[in-house]
Structures are given as C-alpha cells and as structure tokens.
Protein backbone atom coordinates (compact mmCIF):
# COMPACT_ATOMS: atom_id res chain seq x y z
CA MET A 1 18.50 -35.80 92.99
CA THR A 2 17.30 -32.21 92.35
CA HIS A 3 13.96 -31.37 90.77
CA ASP A 4 15.70 -30.14 87.59
CA GLN A 5 17.72 -33.33 87.31
CA LEU A 6 14.62 -35.45 87.77
CA GLN A 7 12.75 -33.39 85.19
CA LYS A 8 15.51 -33.95 82.64
CA LEU A 9 15.43 -37.68 83.30
CA LEU A 10 11.65 -37.76 82.88
CA THR A 11 11.85 -35.78 79.64
CA ALA A 12 14.46 -38.08 78.13
CA ALA A 13 12.80 -41.34 79.17
CA ASN A 14 12.19 -43.70 76.28
CA PRO A 15 8.47 -44.45 75.82
CA PHE A 16 8.95 -47.85 74.18
CA THR A 17 8.19 -51.03 76.02
CA ALA A 18 11.03 -53.49 76.48
CA GLU A 19 9.40 -55.82 73.94
CA ARG A 20 9.09 -53.03 71.36
CA ALA A 21 12.69 -51.96 72.01
CA ARG A 22 13.97 -55.45 71.30
CA GLU A 23 12.18 -55.37 67.91
CA LEU A 24 13.92 -52.20 66.76
CA PRO A 25 16.30 -52.73 63.77
CA VAL A 26 19.44 -51.71 65.62
CA ALA A 27 21.67 -54.77 65.17
CA ASP A 28 23.72 -53.27 62.34
CA ALA A 29 24.12 -49.99 64.17
CA GLN A 30 25.23 -51.83 67.30
CA ASP A 31 27.86 -53.73 65.34
CA GLU A 32 29.25 -50.51 63.90
CA LEU A 33 29.19 -48.88 67.33
CA VAL A 34 31.12 -51.67 68.98
CA LYS A 35 33.73 -51.67 66.21
CA ALA A 36 34.21 -47.94 66.66
CA VAL A 37 34.40 -48.09 70.44
CA MET A 38 37.02 -50.69 71.02
CA ALA A 39 39.48 -52.87 69.18
CA GLU A 40 39.78 -56.38 70.52
CA ARG A 41 41.98 -56.59 73.65
CA GLN A 42 42.80 -59.00 76.44
CA PHE A 43 40.59 -58.68 79.49
CA ALA A 44 42.80 -59.98 82.28
CA ARG A 45 45.27 -57.26 83.26
CA PRO A 46 46.07 -56.27 79.68
CA ALA A 47 49.35 -54.84 78.49
CA GLY A 48 47.56 -51.79 77.06
CA PRO A 49 46.22 -48.78 78.95
CA VAL A 50 46.08 -49.28 82.69
CA PRO A 51 42.66 -48.86 84.34
CA LEU A 52 41.92 -45.41 85.63
CA VAL A 53 42.02 -45.31 89.41
CA ARG A 54 39.42 -43.46 91.43
CA ARG A 55 40.41 -42.44 94.92
CA ARG A 56 37.44 -44.17 96.52
CA ARG A 57 37.90 -47.47 94.74
CA VAL A 58 39.03 -50.41 96.87
CA PHE A 59 40.66 -52.43 94.13
CA THR A 60 43.27 -50.65 92.04
CA ARG A 61 45.56 -52.01 89.37
CA VAL A 62 49.15 -51.33 88.48
CA ALA A 63 49.73 -47.81 87.12
CA LEU A 64 51.97 -47.24 84.11
CA ALA A 65 55.20 -45.42 85.02
CA GLY A 66 53.51 -44.17 88.17
CA ALA A 67 50.54 -42.78 86.24
CA ALA A 68 46.92 -43.79 86.27
CA ALA A 69 45.22 -44.22 82.90
CA ALA A 70 41.82 -44.85 81.51
CA ILE A 71 39.54 -47.78 81.16
CA VAL A 72 36.38 -47.18 79.25
CA LEU A 73 33.43 -47.58 81.53
CA VAL A 74 29.80 -47.78 80.46
CA ALA A 75 26.56 -47.76 82.50
CA LEU A 76 22.99 -47.19 81.41
CA LEU A 77 19.75 -45.94 82.91
CA SER A 78 16.31 -44.75 81.94
CA LEU A 79 13.59 -43.33 84.22
CA TRP A 80 14.75 -43.04 87.83
CA ASP A 81 12.99 -42.27 91.07
CA ASP A 82 14.41 -40.16 93.90
CA SER A 83 16.35 -43.10 95.29
CA GLY A 84 18.33 -43.43 92.07
CA ASN A 85 16.64 -46.67 91.02
CA GLN A 86 14.14 -47.33 88.29
CA GLY A 87 10.85 -48.90 89.14
CA SER A 88 10.07 -52.35 87.80
CA GLY A 89 8.04 -52.56 84.62
CA THR A 90 9.10 -49.23 83.08
CA ALA A 91 10.16 -48.99 79.44
CA TRP A 92 13.82 -49.50 78.60
CA ALA A 93 15.65 -48.13 75.58
CA ALA A 94 16.96 -50.68 73.08
CA GLU A 95 20.57 -49.79 73.89
CA GLN A 96 19.93 -50.39 77.58
CA VAL A 97 18.37 -53.78 76.91
CA ARG A 98 21.32 -54.71 74.67
CA PHE A 99 23.79 -53.78 77.39
CA ALA A 100 21.90 -55.73 80.01
CA GLU A 101 21.66 -58.82 77.87
CA ALA A 102 25.38 -58.62 77.07
CA SER A 103 26.10 -58.81 80.80
CA PRO A 104 25.88 -61.96 82.95
CA LEU A 105 22.66 -60.52 84.52
CA LEU A 106 23.87 -61.18 88.04
CA LEU A 107 23.30 -59.22 91.23
CA LEU A 108 24.68 -59.59 94.74
CA GLY A 109 22.07 -60.87 97.17
CA GLY A 110 21.01 -59.04 100.27
CA THR A 111 19.07 -55.80 100.53
CA GLU A 112 22.09 -54.00 102.01
CA TRP A 113 24.04 -54.29 98.74
CA ARG A 114 23.52 -51.83 95.89
CA VAL A 115 25.11 -51.46 92.46
CA GLU A 116 27.53 -48.55 92.39
CA TYR A 117 28.24 -48.82 88.67
CA ALA A 118 28.08 -51.20 85.74
CA ASP A 119 30.77 -50.80 83.13
CA GLU A 120 31.07 -52.17 79.62
CA GLN A 121 34.28 -52.38 77.60
CA SER A 122 32.63 -54.22 74.72
CA GLU A 123 29.72 -56.56 74.16
CA GLU A 124 31.84 -59.32 75.71
CA MET A 125 33.70 -57.57 78.52
CA GLY A 126 32.67 -55.42 81.47
CA GLU A 127 32.45 -55.05 85.22
CA MET A 128 30.14 -54.12 88.07
CA ARG A 129 30.86 -52.66 91.46
CA PHE A 130 28.69 -53.27 94.51
CA ARG A 131 28.67 -51.31 97.74
CA ARG A 132 27.12 -52.08 101.10
CA GLY A 133 25.86 -49.36 103.38
CA PRO A 134 26.64 -45.62 103.10
CA ALA A 135 29.31 -44.44 100.67
CA THR A 136 31.79 -43.69 103.47
CA GLY A 137 33.48 -46.63 105.10
CA ALA A 138 31.29 -49.24 103.44
CA SER A 139 32.25 -52.66 102.17
CA SER A 140 32.49 -53.17 98.43
CA ALA A 141 32.87 -55.92 95.86
CA GLU A 142 33.48 -56.17 92.13
CA LEU A 143 32.32 -58.54 89.41
CA HIS A 144 34.29 -58.64 86.16
CA TRP A 145 33.40 -60.61 83.06
CA GLY A 146 35.21 -61.40 79.83
CA ARG A 147 35.32 -63.80 76.92
CA GLY A 148 34.82 -67.46 77.68
CA GLY A 149 38.33 -68.51 76.69
CA GLY A 150 41.59 -67.64 78.38
CA ILE A 151 40.76 -68.49 81.98
CA ASP A 152 44.12 -70.24 82.35
CA ARG A 153 45.90 -66.88 82.08
CA TRP A 154 43.67 -65.44 84.78
CA LEU A 155 44.29 -68.43 87.05
CA GLU A 156 48.04 -68.24 86.61
CA ASP A 157 48.10 -64.51 87.32
CA ARG A 158 45.97 -64.72 90.49
CA ALA A 159 47.80 -67.75 91.83
CA ALA A 160 51.15 -65.98 91.49
CA SER A 161 50.27 -63.48 94.22
CA ALA A 162 47.97 -65.63 96.36
CA ALA A 163 48.76 -66.56 99.94
CA ARG A 164 46.00 -69.19 100.03
CA THR A 165 44.12 -71.09 97.33
CA THR A 166 40.88 -73.04 97.56
CA THR A 167 37.60 -73.63 95.72
CA ALA A 168 33.97 -72.72 96.34
CA PRO A 169 30.58 -73.50 94.80
CA VAL A 170 28.89 -70.69 92.90
CA LEU A 171 25.99 -70.59 90.42
CA GLY A 172 26.06 -74.31 89.82
CA THR A 173 29.79 -74.49 89.14
CA THR A 174 33.07 -74.43 91.07
CA ALA A 175 35.15 -71.28 91.47
CA HIS A 176 38.89 -71.07 92.02
CA VAL A 177 39.35 -68.84 95.09
CA TYR A 178 42.53 -66.90 95.91
CA GLN A 179 43.31 -64.95 99.05
CA TYR A 180 45.98 -62.39 98.27
CA GLU A 181 48.96 -61.72 100.48
CA GLY A 182 48.75 -58.92 103.01
CA GLY A 183 45.56 -57.25 104.14
CA THR A 184 44.57 -56.72 107.74
CA PRO A 185 42.79 -58.93 110.29
CA GLY A 186 39.12 -58.77 109.40
CA HIS A 187 39.78 -57.52 105.87
CA ARG A 188 41.44 -59.83 103.38
CA ASP A 189 41.58 -59.23 99.62
CA ILE A 190 40.04 -62.35 98.05
CA THR A 191 39.01 -63.17 94.50
CA ALA A 192 37.16 -66.01 92.77
CA LEU A 193 37.43 -67.08 89.11
CA PHE A 194 34.86 -69.24 87.37
CA ARG A 195 33.03 -69.80 84.10
CA TYR A 196 29.36 -68.91 83.82
CA ASP A 197 27.02 -68.50 80.87
CA GLY A 198 29.86 -68.77 78.34
CA ARG A 199 32.00 -66.14 80.08
CA VAL A 200 34.91 -65.99 82.48
CA LEU A 201 33.87 -64.20 85.67
CA GLU A 202 35.93 -62.79 88.51
CA PHE A 203 34.30 -61.81 91.78
CA ARG A 204 36.53 -59.85 94.16
CA ALA A 205 35.86 -58.47 97.62
CA GLY A 206 37.37 -57.60 100.96
CA ALA A 207 36.26 -60.13 103.58
CA ALA A 208 37.12 -61.16 107.11
CA ASP A 209 38.31 -64.57 105.94
CA LEU A 210 37.76 -67.22 103.28
CA ASP A 211 34.56 -68.48 104.90
CA ALA A 212 33.04 -65.01 104.90
CA PHE A 213 34.06 -64.52 101.27
CA LYS A 214 32.53 -67.85 100.24
CA ALA A 215 29.29 -66.92 101.97
CA LEU A 216 29.19 -63.63 100.05
CA LEU A 217 30.09 -65.32 96.76
CA ALA A 218 27.18 -67.72 97.25
CA THR A 219 24.71 -64.80 97.25
CA LEU A 220 25.38 -63.98 93.58
CA LYS A 221 22.08 -64.61 91.86
CA PRO A 222 20.81 -64.49 88.26
CA VAL A 223 18.03 -61.98 87.58
CA ASP A 224 15.93 -60.92 84.60
CA THR A 225 16.70 -57.93 82.39
CA ASP A 226 14.19 -55.61 84.07
CA THR A 227 15.50 -56.39 87.56
CA TRP A 228 19.10 -55.89 86.47
CA LEU A 229 18.42 -52.54 84.79
CA SER A 230 16.34 -51.42 87.76
CA ALA A 231 19.40 -51.91 89.97
CA MET A 232 21.58 -49.56 87.94
CA PRO A 233 22.79 -46.32 89.61
CA ALA A 234 21.75 -42.86 88.48
CA SER A 235 25.27 -41.41 88.22
CA VAL A 236 25.54 -42.04 84.49
CA ILE A 237 25.12 -40.23 81.19
CA LYS A 238 22.02 -41.35 79.33
CA THR A 239 22.10 -42.30 75.67
CA ARG A 240 20.19 -39.30 74.40
CA ASP A 241 22.08 -36.87 76.68
CA ARG A 242 25.55 -37.80 75.40
CA GLY A 243 25.83 -35.23 72.63
CA SER A 244 24.93 -32.27 74.83
CA THR A 245 27.11 -33.61 77.65
CA ILE A 246 30.15 -33.90 75.37
CA THR A 247 29.55 -30.36 74.09
CA GLU A 248 29.38 -29.11 77.68
CA MET A 249 32.57 -30.97 78.62
CA LEU A 250 34.48 -29.39 75.72
CA ARG A 251 33.75 -25.87 76.95
CA GLY A 252 36.87 -24.08 78.17
CA ILE A 253 39.19 -26.51 76.34
CA PRO A 254 41.39 -25.26 73.46
CA LEU A 255 40.74 -27.67 70.60
CA PRO A 256 43.33 -28.77 68.03
CA PRO A 257 42.84 -27.46 64.48
CA GLY A 258 40.29 -29.58 62.66
CA PHE A 259 38.99 -31.22 65.84
CA ASP A 260 35.53 -32.74 65.45
CA PRO A 261 33.49 -34.04 68.41
CA GLU A 262 32.68 -37.01 66.20
CA ASP A 263 36.37 -37.95 66.64
CA ILE A 264 35.54 -39.01 70.19
CA LYS A 265 35.42 -42.78 69.95
CA GLY A 266 33.27 -44.33 72.64
CA GLY A 267 31.35 -41.09 73.03
CA GLY A 268 28.51 -42.96 71.39
CA LEU A 269 28.21 -45.29 74.38
CA THR A 270 26.57 -44.33 77.63
CA LYS A 271 29.16 -43.85 80.37
CA ASP A 272 29.46 -42.69 83.89
CA ARG A 273 30.28 -38.98 83.83
CA TYR A 274 33.84 -39.40 85.11
CA GLN A 275 34.74 -41.92 82.43
CA LEU A 276 33.06 -39.93 79.67
CA GLY A 277 35.15 -36.97 80.85
CA ALA A 278 38.27 -39.09 80.52
CA THR A 279 37.25 -40.11 76.99
CA VAL A 280 36.56 -36.53 75.94
CA THR A 281 39.66 -34.92 77.45
CA GLY A 282 41.83 -37.88 76.48
CA THR A 283 40.85 -37.52 72.82
CA VAL A 284 41.62 -33.80 72.84
CA ALA A 285 44.95 -34.34 74.62
CA CYS A 286 46.02 -37.17 72.32
CA GLN A 287 45.42 -34.97 69.28
CA TRP A 288 47.43 -32.14 70.84
CA PHE A 289 50.25 -34.53 71.71
CA LYS A 290 50.30 -35.87 68.15
CA ARG A 291 50.49 -32.32 66.77
CA TRP A 292 53.28 -31.59 69.27
CA SER A 293 55.22 -34.74 68.37
CA ASP A 294 54.88 -34.20 64.64
CA ALA A 295 56.01 -30.59 65.03
CA ARG A 296 59.11 -31.59 66.99
CA LYS A 297 60.07 -34.09 64.31
CA ALA A 298 59.59 -31.48 61.59
CA GLY A 299 61.39 -28.76 63.54
CA ASP A 300 58.26 -26.60 63.49
CA ARG A 301 58.71 -24.59 66.65
CA VAL A 302 55.53 -22.57 66.13
CA LYS A 303 53.26 -25.63 66.14
CA GLU A 304 55.25 -27.19 68.96
CA ARG A 305 54.78 -24.11 71.14
CA GLU A 306 51.10 -23.92 70.19
CA ALA A 307 50.48 -27.49 71.37
CA THR A 308 52.54 -27.00 74.52
CA ALA A 309 50.61 -23.83 75.39
CA ALA A 310 47.27 -25.52 74.76
CA MET A 311 48.07 -28.44 77.06
CA ALA A 312 49.45 -26.09 79.71
CA THR A 313 45.86 -24.89 80.20
CA ALA A 314 44.72 -28.41 81.17
CA LYS A 315 44.79 -27.45 84.85
CA ASP A 316 42.03 -24.96 84.07
CA TRP A 317 39.77 -27.26 82.04
CA PRO A 318 36.45 -27.27 83.91
CA ILE A 319 35.76 -30.96 83.40
CA LEU A 320 39.21 -31.92 84.71
CA GLU A 321 38.69 -29.69 87.75
CA GLU A 322 35.45 -31.57 88.39
CA MET A 323 37.07 -34.98 87.87
CA ALA A 324 39.99 -34.14 90.17
CA LYS A 325 37.60 -34.37 93.12
CA GLU A 326 36.96 -38.01 92.33
CA GLY A 327 40.04 -39.58 90.76
CA ALA A 328 43.65 -39.32 89.63
CA TYR A 329 43.17 -39.02 85.87
CA PRO A 330 43.55 -35.21 85.79
CA ASP A 331 46.84 -35.46 87.72
CA VAL A 332 48.20 -37.71 84.98
CA MET A 333 47.15 -35.22 82.31
CA PHE A 334 48.73 -32.31 84.22
CA ALA A 335 51.99 -34.20 84.66
CA PHE A 336 52.24 -35.06 80.98
CA ALA A 337 51.49 -31.46 80.00
CA ALA A 338 54.18 -30.18 82.36
CA ALA A 339 56.71 -32.49 80.71
CA MET A 340 56.11 -31.19 77.18
CA PRO A 341 58.79 -28.46 77.20
CA SER A 342 61.51 -31.02 77.96
CA GLY A 343 59.94 -33.83 75.94
CA GLU A 344 61.02 -36.37 78.57
CA TRP A 345 59.21 -38.52 81.11
CA ASP A 346 61.31 -40.23 83.78
CA GLY A 347 64.32 -40.11 81.47
CA ARG A 348 62.40 -41.52 78.50
CA PRO A 349 60.75 -39.85 75.50
CA LEU A 350 57.47 -38.44 76.79
CA ILE A 351 55.39 -39.59 73.84
CA GLY A 352 56.15 -43.23 74.57
CA ASP A 353 54.28 -43.03 77.90
CA VAL A 354 51.50 -40.71 76.72
CA ASN A 355 50.34 -43.16 74.09
CA PRO A 356 49.51 -46.15 76.33
CA ALA A 357 48.58 -44.13 79.43
CA LEU A 358 45.95 -42.01 77.68
CA GLY A 359 44.87 -44.80 75.35
CA CYS A 360 45.55 -42.71 72.26
CA GLU A 361 45.48 -45.64 69.86
CA GLU A 362 42.05 -46.66 71.10
CA ARG A 363 40.96 -43.04 70.71
CA GLY A 364 41.91 -43.15 67.02
CA VAL A 365 45.09 -41.11 67.40
CA ASP A 366 48.22 -42.77 66.06
CA LEU A 367 51.17 -41.57 68.13
CA PRO A 368 54.68 -42.78 67.29
C-alpha cells in the first residue's frame, strides 16, 4: 500500500465506535438500499446472469453462450494497516457492521489462510474466498451462503456431477460432501453443503483427497464481528469513496443521453473495484444497447449508428482496460459491441444474449 493510499484510508476512516454505529438510525435506509440493489433471485446456480469469471479464480461457473457475465460482489473495510488488515478494536462504520452481521461470521482456521474477498449479493446471500500462501500458485477455498430454504436443489445439482459422495461433521452439524469428477492426483474439486445459523452454506476447495478436504472443512470457525471485519482485504471500495470512484470510472466513456450516475444500481454498496467497474460499465452499456434496440425497431438509423459508435469505443474505456488485466468481463463487452452492426450473436438476435449476460434487468434497464 502506498503512502497516498494509506493517507486516503486514514482520512475516510469512520470515527464511531462499533456500539455507536449499531445505534445509528439506518434500518430504513438499509431496506431501501437492498431493494434497489437486487431483486430476489435463486442462489444456487441461478438461471439469470452468469457469475463473472476472473482469470485467477479456481472455481468458475458456466458462461452464457460462451460469455462471462457479472455477479455483484461486495466487500467492506475501514482503517487498514500496511498488511491490508485492520487492527482489532478500531471503529467500524454502520454499513460494515451490518454486512458482517448479515454474513455467517465464519473464518477458515490456520494462520496461513487469509480472506481474499467477501462478497454480498443481498442481506441473505454472499460468498467469501480464502487463499493460502502467496497469490501465485497458492491453494484457495470458497464459502457461499444463501437463504435457509432450498438446500434440496443444491444437493441435487451437486450430486448430479459428483464422482463420490459422503458426509462430514462441521460446526455442530453434518455436511453433505461431494467430490466432483475429474481433477488431478493431489488436487480434487470437492464441495460440502450444510445448514448453519439459518442459512444454507457451501464450502468448496481443491484438496488432495476427501480426508484432506474434511480436515480443512473442520477448521471453519465462528468469530465475532470485529475479528471478521479485521480479516477483510484492502482491495475494496470504501463506502464514502464510492461516489468519487464511480465518477472516476465514468471518465473516457461516452454516456447515453440523459444518463445519471444515480442510475447505477448497486453503486450504493461497497464493492471490490473490479466488480464496481462491471456495475458501472454494465449500466452504461445496457442503456446504449436499449437505445440501439429501440432505434432499430423504429427504423431510426441515426440513433442506431450513434449507439453502435459509442459502444465501439468500449475497447478504449480506461476502466475496462484496467479490468482486462484481471478478468474476462471486458472481452464480453467488446464482443457484444462488435456484433452490433449485424445485430446477431451466434445466429441469434444479439439483444437476447446482452440482456442476461450483462444483467441489464438488474441494472434497471428493460431490454426486450
């Protein structure tokens, strides 16, 4: 972390104590925020937008029509030291405390494991990623959580592609454990499903075998709010930095007529920079694609060409250039933009794939 970055973090740190933060009258605002961020959706491999795939992620999910798409990710931090962690006992913002208490408040045991990110889709659904050792060539694991009902769908889905099935004790309950087909000797893709604290949890990791996975699963431990927040990584956008960060991300991007940064749903939640970039650029792109689609239907060639030309510049958007170093989302955007002159995507109407892949409906843009 540079001196300037640290100075900004220090300046923006919330001075309230955790107890004072919990007393703040933010419940109504939180309810409105959650409603604006995400409509209710299924957690287990939903039929909607496919999760955005980062190149360095171990566990990827099925891409739509060969394209990666976005999942809204949220992580929070406050005052960080040079190691990227916050010291115990510091003051946490009310939004950070709310996020922590909406999570299962679990960490992976062992000093060699660190939290790489913590992501929130809603107050009920989210995920964490853990990494062991240096960023290159290290082992990793993921913990997903969702609503307490619907575990049967998860179980059926995981069992369908499992080579081996067993059970294991975890956190005072019993988990259903599935070893997926394939993998390599010494590295098997294994997942565990269980209920905990009124939620459905899935813990997934690469392990040498089932015994090694069970041993790792057994190290999941409950912690208090302060400990959980102290474990969060520093590669996130803080609550009070969001507005300026969104403004910075919009620089160099041609905006549709009437575009308002307030249109960016989910921009009010703290996110990791990559995912906030996907939210910002996705909202702009969805609005351009709607203008393009409406113009084609109306036979308005001027507006159609305007939208096509605007999206053709996507390859030069600074935030997408930055994101391209980390994940595949920009490639999806470039491919869709390149298909606008023909209006087709793999022999189908382009707009039909743009809508779910970019999550336009969730971004408040109603594409046909």
